[in-house]
Amino acid sequence: MDEKLGKAYKLCSRKTIDLLFNEGQQLRSYPFTVYYAQQSNTENKAFQLVFSAPKRAFKRAHDRNYIKRLMKETFRKQKHALENTLVTQQQQWAFFIIYNQRELPVYADLEKSMTKMLQKLLNEITESK
């Protein structure tokens, strides 16, 4: 399976992002908060997502960029389970993932946390069907 996380997976629609915060569901899995909602993407992908690190906690842009880069990499390595489930159910979702911890992450810890968060997210999505 393709492990790329290209431009088609990037959520850019301001309308969809506002919808996620206003009408979407929320999932907390330390150190992440995930807002998610079912939608119809214009792209032919099972999901689109945004990664975020708060400016309040990380004042320097290079720290925020580092965190988002680690989050993208850990998600990219583990996205196949989520993508397979959504493709078999013929659903399309939008996700907004926020990093909540105040310290810079270590890759190994972030990878474990991302695995746990994705498992919780899969359970929520399959139960909401």
Protein backbone atom coordinates (compact mmCIF):
# COMPACT_ATOMS: atom_id res chain seq x y z
CA MET A 1 0.00 0.00 0.00
CA ASP A 2 1.06 3.55 -0.72
CA GLU A 3 2.51 5.25 2.37
CA LYS A 4 2.55 8.75 0.90
CA LEU A 5 0.69 11.57 2.58
CA GLY A 6 0.44 13.93 -0.37
CA LYS A 7 -1.37 17.14 -1.12
CA ALA A 8 -4.71 15.40 -1.69
CA TYR A 9 -4.82 14.51 2.03
CA LYS A 10 -4.41 18.14 3.11
CA LEU A 11 -7.58 19.83 4.35
CA CYS A 12 -7.61 23.41 3.10
CA SER A 13 -11.30 24.29 3.05
CA ARG A 14 -12.03 26.95 5.66
CA LYS A 15 -15.70 26.00 5.56
CA THR A 16 -14.92 22.37 6.43
CA ILE A 17 -12.53 23.36 9.22
CA ASP A 18 -15.20 25.62 10.77
CA LEU A 19 -17.70 22.77 10.47
CA LEU A 20 -15.30 20.46 12.33
CA PHE A 21 -15.11 22.80 15.31
CA ASN A 22 -18.78 23.73 15.34
CA GLU A 23 -20.54 20.46 14.51
CA GLY A 24 -17.84 17.78 14.59
CA GLN A 25 -17.08 15.31 17.31
CA GLN A 26 -14.10 15.54 19.63
CA LEU A 27 -11.72 12.81 20.77
CA ARG A 28 -9.01 13.27 23.39
CA SER A 29 -6.06 10.93 23.50
CA TYR A 30 -3.10 12.43 25.32
CA PRO A 31 -1.24 14.37 23.91
CA PHE A 32 -3.71 14.88 21.05
CA THR A 33 -7.15 16.37 20.61
CA VAL A 34 -8.89 15.32 17.41
CA TYR A 35 -11.93 16.99 15.87
CA TYR A 36 -13.57 14.86 13.22
CA ALA A 37 -16.67 14.79 11.06
CA GLN A 38 -17.96 12.85 8.11
CA GLN A 39 -17.90 14.82 4.87
CA SER A 40 -17.81 14.49 1.13
CA ASN A 41 -14.32 15.36 -0.10
CA THR A 42 -13.71 16.82 -3.50
CA GLU A 43 -10.62 14.61 -3.67
CA ASN A 44 -10.88 10.85 -4.09
CA LYS A 45 -9.32 10.18 -0.69
CA ALA A 46 -10.90 8.51 2.34
CA PHE A 47 -9.90 11.40 4.60
CA GLN A 48 -8.36 14.86 4.71
CA LEU A 49 -6.60 16.26 7.73
CA VAL A 50 -4.81 19.18 9.37
CA PHE A 51 -2.05 19.03 11.97
CA SER A 52 -1.69 21.84 14.49
CA ALA A 53 0.61 22.89 17.33
CA PRO A 54 -0.56 25.86 19.42
CA LYS A 55 1.30 29.13 19.24
CA ARG A 56 0.50 29.76 22.89
CA ALA A 57 2.56 26.75 23.98
CA PHE A 58 5.33 26.98 21.35
CA LYS A 59 6.30 30.57 20.62
CA ARG A 60 8.92 29.78 18.00
CA ALA A 61 7.76 28.79 14.55
CA HIS A 62 10.54 26.24 14.10
CA ASP A 63 9.28 24.37 17.19
CA ARG A 64 5.72 24.28 15.84
CA ASN A 65 6.96 23.16 12.43
CA TYR A 66 9.09 20.43 14.03
CA ILE A 67 6.09 19.10 15.97
CA LYS A 68 3.85 19.12 12.89
CA ARG A 69 6.54 17.37 10.85
CA LEU A 70 6.84 14.61 13.48
CA MET A 71 3.06 14.26 13.65
CA LYS A 72 2.80 13.95 9.86
CA GLU A 73 5.53 11.33 9.76
CA THR A 74 4.05 9.18 12.54
CA PHE A 75 0.59 9.46 11.00
CA ARG A 76 1.91 8.62 7.52
CA LYS A 77 3.51 5.42 8.79
CA GLN A 78 0.24 4.26 10.39
CA LYS A 79 -2.49 5.62 8.12
CA HIS A 80 -3.11 2.36 6.24
CA ALA A 81 -5.44 0.90 8.91
CA LEU A 82 -7.61 4.00 8.97
CA GLU A 83 -7.63 4.34 5.20
CA ASN A 84 -8.52 0.66 4.63
CA THR A 85 -11.44 0.86 7.06
CA LEU A 86 -12.83 4.03 5.49
CA VAL A 87 -12.45 2.70 1.95
CA THR A 88 -14.26 -0.54 2.76
CA GLN A 89 -17.09 1.43 4.42
CA GLN A 90 -17.08 3.92 1.52
CA GLN A 91 -16.90 6.90 3.86
CA GLN A 92 -14.99 10.17 3.74
CA TRP A 93 -13.93 12.03 6.88
CA ALA A 94 -12.17 15.24 7.86
CA PHE A 95 -9.77 15.40 10.83
CA PHE A 96 -8.13 18.25 12.72
CA ILE A 97 -5.36 16.96 15.00
CA ILE A 98 -3.97 19.25 17.71
CA TYR A 99 -0.87 18.53 19.78
CA ASN A 100 -1.57 19.55 23.42
CA GLN A 101 1.58 18.79 25.39
CA ARG A 102 3.80 21.70 26.49
CA GLU A 103 7.16 20.00 25.83
CA LEU A 104 8.75 19.12 22.51
CA PRO A 105 7.92 15.50 21.66
CA VAL A 106 10.29 12.59 21.25
CA TYR A 107 9.63 10.58 18.08
CA ALA A 108 9.24 7.20 19.83
CA ASP A 109 6.75 8.57 22.37
CA LEU A 110 4.81 10.41 19.69
CA GLU A 111 4.62 7.23 17.60
CA LYS A 112 3.11 5.28 20.52
CA SER A 113 0.63 8.07 21.24
CA MET A 114 -0.35 8.28 17.57
CA THR A 115 -0.98 4.51 17.46
CA LYS A 116 -3.21 4.73 20.53
CA MET A 117 -5.06 7.76 19.15
CA LEU A 118 -5.65 6.11 15.75
CA GLN A 119 -7.03 3.01 17.44
CA LYS A 120 -9.47 5.09 19.49
CA LEU A 121 -10.45 7.00 16.36
CA LEU A 122 -11.08 3.78 14.42
CA ASN A 123 -13.29 2.51 17.25
CA GLU A 124 -15.29 5.75 17.30
CA ILE A 125 -15.74 5.78 13.52
CA THR A 126 -16.83 2.14 13.29
CA GLU A 127 -19.28 2.58 16.19
CA SER A 128 -20.85 5.72 14.67
CA LYS A 129 -21.71 3.85 11.46
